[in-house]
Amino acid sequence: MSIRAKTIALVLAAVALVALAGCGQAGPPEKGLVVSGPGVRSNEPPWARQYAGLARRIKQLGLPTGDSEKFHIHALLSVYDQSLPVIVPANIGIDDQHHVNSTLHTHTPTGVIHIEAPAPYHYTLGDFFAVWGVRFGGGTLGSLQDNGSNRVWVYANGKLLTDPAQHVIANGDDISIGYGTNGSFPHQPGTYLLKQVMSGKSDQPCSITVKKQTACLAPKRSSKAK
């Protein structure tokens, strides 16, 4: 082999090594936004509501605040770990003890998400998990990570989401998240309860009627409110 040929071969080998080193440092391909922040946890399920750092997370997210309820929508979130349901706790985002309330929250451990804001706003699924205090994003759910056939799958109304944290929550969304194989959990769980809430027939701790909606976050509530 000539000196020129040997030189070219060495250069190509060096380029290949640099490329491999770069790949090793970069890790797996990017799969979109992953939620983190003060108080956000990466532990195993189940996940309790996390009030530590809640005020700072709400501020960092830039979520609307206030008691006015001109924008009121609902969605349903179902979570599964190896086919077993994981509870979505009550009062996510509502810390009455410290007077910290998020316009994105839950009232009961049913998975029904309430959004009650002064004006329309594009709340995302990532926002909800940030308020909850659980690390979440493509291939990530708390301590659960993509590993072989066990993956974090996220569906909205039966459609697979590739960048789930960026999904804008729409009224009536049926969101299902499962860790395990793709067939280990329902992609479109039943929405009977969600429809009940949306029609005002639920036992939520706020009054919801078709003609008028009373804000769940109002500072003064009637003792008879349901």
Protein backbone atom coordinates (compact mmCIF):
# COMPACT_ATOMS: atom_id res chain seq x y z
CA MET A 1 0.00 0.00 0.00
CA SER A 2 1.36 3.42 -0.94
CA ILE A 3 2.03 6.14 1.65
CA ARG A 4 -0.89 8.17 0.26
CA ALA A 5 -3.25 5.20 0.54
CA LYS A 6 -2.10 4.51 4.11
CA THR A 7 -2.65 8.17 5.02
CA ILE A 8 -6.20 8.14 3.64
CA ALA A 9 -6.95 4.91 5.51
CA LEU A 10 -5.70 6.39 8.79
CA VAL A 11 -7.77 9.54 8.28
CA LEU A 12 -10.91 7.52 7.57
CA ALA A 13 -10.30 5.38 10.65
CA ALA A 14 -9.90 8.49 12.81
CA VAL A 15 -13.13 9.96 11.43
CA ALA A 16 -14.95 6.71 12.22
CA LEU A 17 -13.66 6.70 15.79
CA VAL A 18 -14.74 10.30 16.32
CA ALA A 19 -18.20 9.48 14.97
CA LEU A 20 -18.52 6.47 17.26
CA ALA A 21 -17.39 8.50 20.24
CA GLY A 22 -19.93 11.18 19.40
CA CYS A 23 -22.71 8.62 19.19
CA GLY A 24 -21.71 7.22 22.57
CA GLN A 25 -21.87 10.64 24.18
CA ALA A 26 -25.17 11.58 22.57
CA GLY A 27 -26.96 8.46 23.81
CA PRO A 28 -30.32 7.33 22.42
CA PRO A 29 -32.14 9.43 19.81
CA GLU A 30 -34.11 12.39 21.10
CA LYS A 31 -37.80 11.62 21.65
CA GLY A 32 -39.09 15.06 22.51
CA LEU A 33 -39.56 17.01 25.69
CA VAL A 34 -39.02 15.33 29.08
CA VAL A 35 -40.64 17.04 32.07
CA SER A 36 -38.45 17.95 35.02
CA GLY A 37 -38.26 20.73 37.59
CA PRO A 38 -38.29 21.45 41.34
CA GLY A 39 -39.91 18.57 43.16
CA VAL A 40 -40.41 16.41 40.06
CA ARG A 41 -39.67 12.78 40.97
CA SER A 42 -38.26 9.82 39.08
CA ASN A 43 -39.42 7.07 41.44
CA GLU A 44 -41.49 3.94 40.87
CA PRO A 45 -45.29 4.06 40.75
CA PRO A 46 -47.65 4.77 42.37
CA TRP A 47 -47.02 8.52 42.55
CA ALA A 48 -48.63 10.68 45.19
CA ARG A 49 -49.43 14.28 44.37
CA GLN A 50 -46.33 16.39 44.91
CA TYR A 51 -46.86 19.73 46.63
CA ALA A 52 -43.18 20.40 47.32
CA GLY A 53 -42.05 22.89 44.68
CA LEU A 54 -45.58 23.17 43.21
CA ALA A 55 -45.67 26.99 43.26
CA ARG A 56 -42.30 27.18 41.53
CA ARG A 57 -43.31 24.64 38.91
CA ILE A 58 -46.50 26.54 38.12
CA LYS A 59 -44.49 29.74 37.76
CA GLN A 60 -41.88 28.08 35.54
CA LEU A 61 -44.59 26.61 33.32
CA GLY A 62 -46.22 30.02 32.98
CA LEU A 63 -49.69 28.57 33.53
CA PRO A 64 -52.61 31.00 33.83
CA THR A 65 -53.69 31.75 37.39
CA GLY A 66 -56.83 33.15 38.97
CA ASP A 67 -60.31 32.08 40.06
CA SER A 68 -62.18 33.16 36.92
CA GLU A 69 -63.49 30.20 34.96
CA LYS A 70 -64.16 31.37 31.42
CA PHE A 71 -62.31 28.34 30.03
CA HIS A 72 -63.39 24.99 31.50
CA ILE A 73 -62.62 21.67 29.83
CA HIS A 74 -62.02 18.07 30.93
CA ALA A 75 -59.96 15.09 29.81
CA LEU A 76 -59.44 11.55 31.10
CA LEU A 77 -56.02 10.11 31.92
CA SER A 78 -55.51 6.37 32.46
CA VAL A 79 -52.09 5.00 33.49
CA TYR A 80 -50.92 1.36 33.50
CA ASP A 81 -47.75 -0.39 34.63
CA GLN A 82 -47.37 -3.91 33.19
CA SER A 83 -51.16 -4.02 32.59
CA LEU A 84 -51.98 -2.94 36.18
CA PRO A 85 -53.81 0.39 36.69
CA VAL A 86 -51.89 3.18 38.41
CA ILE A 87 -53.97 5.64 40.42
CA VAL A 88 -54.03 9.26 39.30
CA PRO A 89 -54.47 10.90 42.73
CA ALA A 90 -57.12 13.35 43.81
CA ASN A 91 -56.25 17.03 44.26
CA ILE A 92 -53.21 17.08 42.01
CA GLY A 93 -52.34 20.77 41.79
CA ILE A 94 -54.59 21.81 44.70
CA ASP A 95 -52.60 22.49 47.87
CA ASP A 96 -55.14 24.23 50.11
CA GLN A 97 -52.81 24.14 53.11
CA HIS A 98 -50.32 26.44 51.42
CA HIS A 99 -52.90 28.24 49.24
CA VAL A 100 -51.28 27.03 46.01
CA ASN A 101 -53.81 26.05 43.36
CA SER A 102 -53.19 25.21 39.73
CA THR A 103 -55.76 25.87 37.02
CA LEU A 104 -54.78 22.39 35.77
CA HIS A 105 -55.76 19.81 38.41
CA THR A 106 -57.78 16.81 39.56
CA HIS A 107 -60.46 16.47 42.25
CA THR A 108 -60.91 12.71 42.63
CA PRO A 109 -58.69 9.65 42.00
CA THR A 110 -60.58 8.88 38.78
CA GLY A 111 -58.12 10.27 36.24
CA VAL A 112 -60.46 13.10 35.23
CA ILE A 113 -58.38 16.21 34.54
CA HIS A 114 -59.98 19.61 35.10
CA ILE A 115 -58.79 22.74 33.35
CA GLU A 116 -60.39 25.91 34.71
CA ALA A 117 -58.74 29.10 33.51
CA PRO A 118 -59.55 32.79 32.99
CA ALA A 119 -58.99 32.38 29.24
CA PRO A 120 -58.25 29.62 26.70
CA TYR A 121 -54.73 28.29 26.99
CA HIS A 122 -52.81 25.41 25.40
CA TYR A 123 -52.24 23.19 28.41
CA THR A 124 -50.10 20.17 27.56
CA LEU A 125 -49.81 16.67 28.96
CA GLY A 126 -46.30 17.64 30.05
CA ASP A 127 -47.79 20.53 32.03
CA PHE A 128 -50.06 18.10 33.87
CA PHE A 129 -47.23 15.75 34.83
CA ALA A 130 -45.15 18.75 35.95
CA VAL A 131 -48.01 19.86 38.20
CA TRP A 132 -48.35 16.25 39.42
CA GLY A 133 -44.60 16.17 40.08
CA VAL A 134 -43.72 13.10 37.98
CA ARG A 135 -40.92 12.97 35.40
CA PHE A 136 -42.51 12.30 32.02
CA GLY A 137 -41.72 12.40 28.32
CA GLY A 138 -40.84 10.22 25.36
CA GLY A 139 -39.76 6.84 26.78
CA THR A 140 -39.94 8.10 30.37
CA LEU A 141 -42.50 7.83 33.17
CA GLY A 142 -41.15 8.27 36.70
CA SER A 143 -38.50 5.57 37.05
CA LEU A 144 -39.94 3.60 34.12
CA GLN A 145 -37.78 3.79 30.99
CA ASP A 146 -37.88 2.23 27.55
CA ASN A 147 -36.09 -1.12 27.79
CA GLY A 148 -36.44 -3.65 25.00
CA SER A 149 -40.09 -4.57 24.50
CA ASN A 150 -41.03 -2.77 27.71
CA ARG A 151 -41.68 0.81 26.68
CA VAL A 152 -43.66 3.87 27.71
CA TRP A 153 -46.56 4.07 25.26
CA VAL A 154 -48.82 7.13 25.14
CA TYR A 155 -52.09 7.27 23.23
CA ALA A 156 -54.62 10.07 22.85
CA ASN A 157 -58.00 9.01 21.47
CA GLY A 158 -56.43 5.84 20.11
CA LYS A 159 -53.56 7.64 18.33
CA LEU A 160 -49.95 6.97 19.33
CA LEU A 161 -48.07 10.10 20.42
CA THR A 162 -44.39 10.37 19.54
CA ASP A 163 -43.77 13.52 21.61
CA PRO A 164 -46.33 13.05 24.39
CA ALA A 165 -45.24 15.86 26.71
CA GLN A 166 -46.05 18.36 23.95
CA HIS A 167 -49.59 17.05 23.40
CA VAL A 168 -52.12 19.85 23.88
CA ILE A 169 -55.00 18.59 26.01
CA ALA A 170 -58.36 18.96 24.25
CA ASN A 171 -61.81 18.79 25.74
CA GLY A 172 -62.92 15.15 25.96
CA ASP A 173 -59.45 13.70 25.35
CA ASP A 174 -59.13 10.01 26.24
CA ILE A 175 -55.44 9.65 27.14
CA SER A 176 -53.91 6.28 27.95
CA ILE A 177 -50.33 5.68 29.10
CA GLY A 178 -48.93 2.20 29.53
CA TYR A 179 -45.56 0.76 30.44
CA GLY A 180 -44.83 -2.71 29.10
CA THR A 181 -45.62 -4.23 25.73
CA ASN A 182 -47.91 -2.32 23.40
CA GLY A 183 -50.71 -4.83 23.84
CA SER A 184 -50.63 -4.93 27.64
CA PHE A 185 -53.07 -2.06 28.23
CA PRO A 186 -56.15 -0.51 26.54
CA HIS A 187 -55.35 2.29 24.12
CA GLN A 188 -58.84 3.75 24.47
CA PRO A 189 -60.24 3.08 27.95
CA GLY A 190 -63.92 3.70 28.58
CA THR A 191 -64.93 7.34 28.85
CA TYR A 192 -68.26 6.90 30.66
CA LEU A 193 -67.08 8.76 33.76
CA LEU A 194 -65.61 11.57 31.68
CA LYS A 195 -68.91 12.01 29.86
CA GLN A 196 -70.70 12.08 33.20
CA VAL A 197 -68.45 14.88 34.41
CA MET A 198 -68.84 16.83 31.18
CA SER A 199 -72.62 16.59 31.41
CA GLY A 200 -72.73 17.72 35.04
CA LYS A 201 -73.79 14.35 36.49
CA SER A 202 -70.62 13.68 38.45
CA ASP A 203 -70.00 13.88 42.19
CA GLN A 204 -67.04 16.21 41.65
CA PRO A 205 -66.36 18.66 44.52
CA CYS A 206 -67.52 21.59 42.42
CA SER A 207 -70.83 22.48 40.83
CA ILE A 208 -70.90 21.86 37.10
CA THR A 209 -74.05 22.57 35.12
CA VAL A 210 -74.71 22.89 31.42
CA LYS A 211 -75.76 26.55 31.54
CA LYS A 212 -73.38 27.78 34.24
CA GLN A 213 -70.12 26.45 35.65
CA THR A 214 -68.96 27.38 39.13
CA ALA A 215 -65.19 27.53 39.50
CA CYS A 216 -63.75 24.68 41.56
CA LEU A 217 -60.97 27.04 42.67
CA ALA A 218 -63.25 29.81 43.88
CA PRO A 219 -62.02 31.10 47.27
CA LYS A 220 -65.46 30.82 48.83
CA ARG A 221 -67.49 27.65 48.33
CA SER A 222 -70.96 26.81 49.52
CA SER A 223 -71.10 24.03 52.09
CA LYS A 224 -73.73 22.42 49.89
CA ALA A 225 -71.54 22.36 46.77
CA LYS A 226 -70.89 18.93 45.41
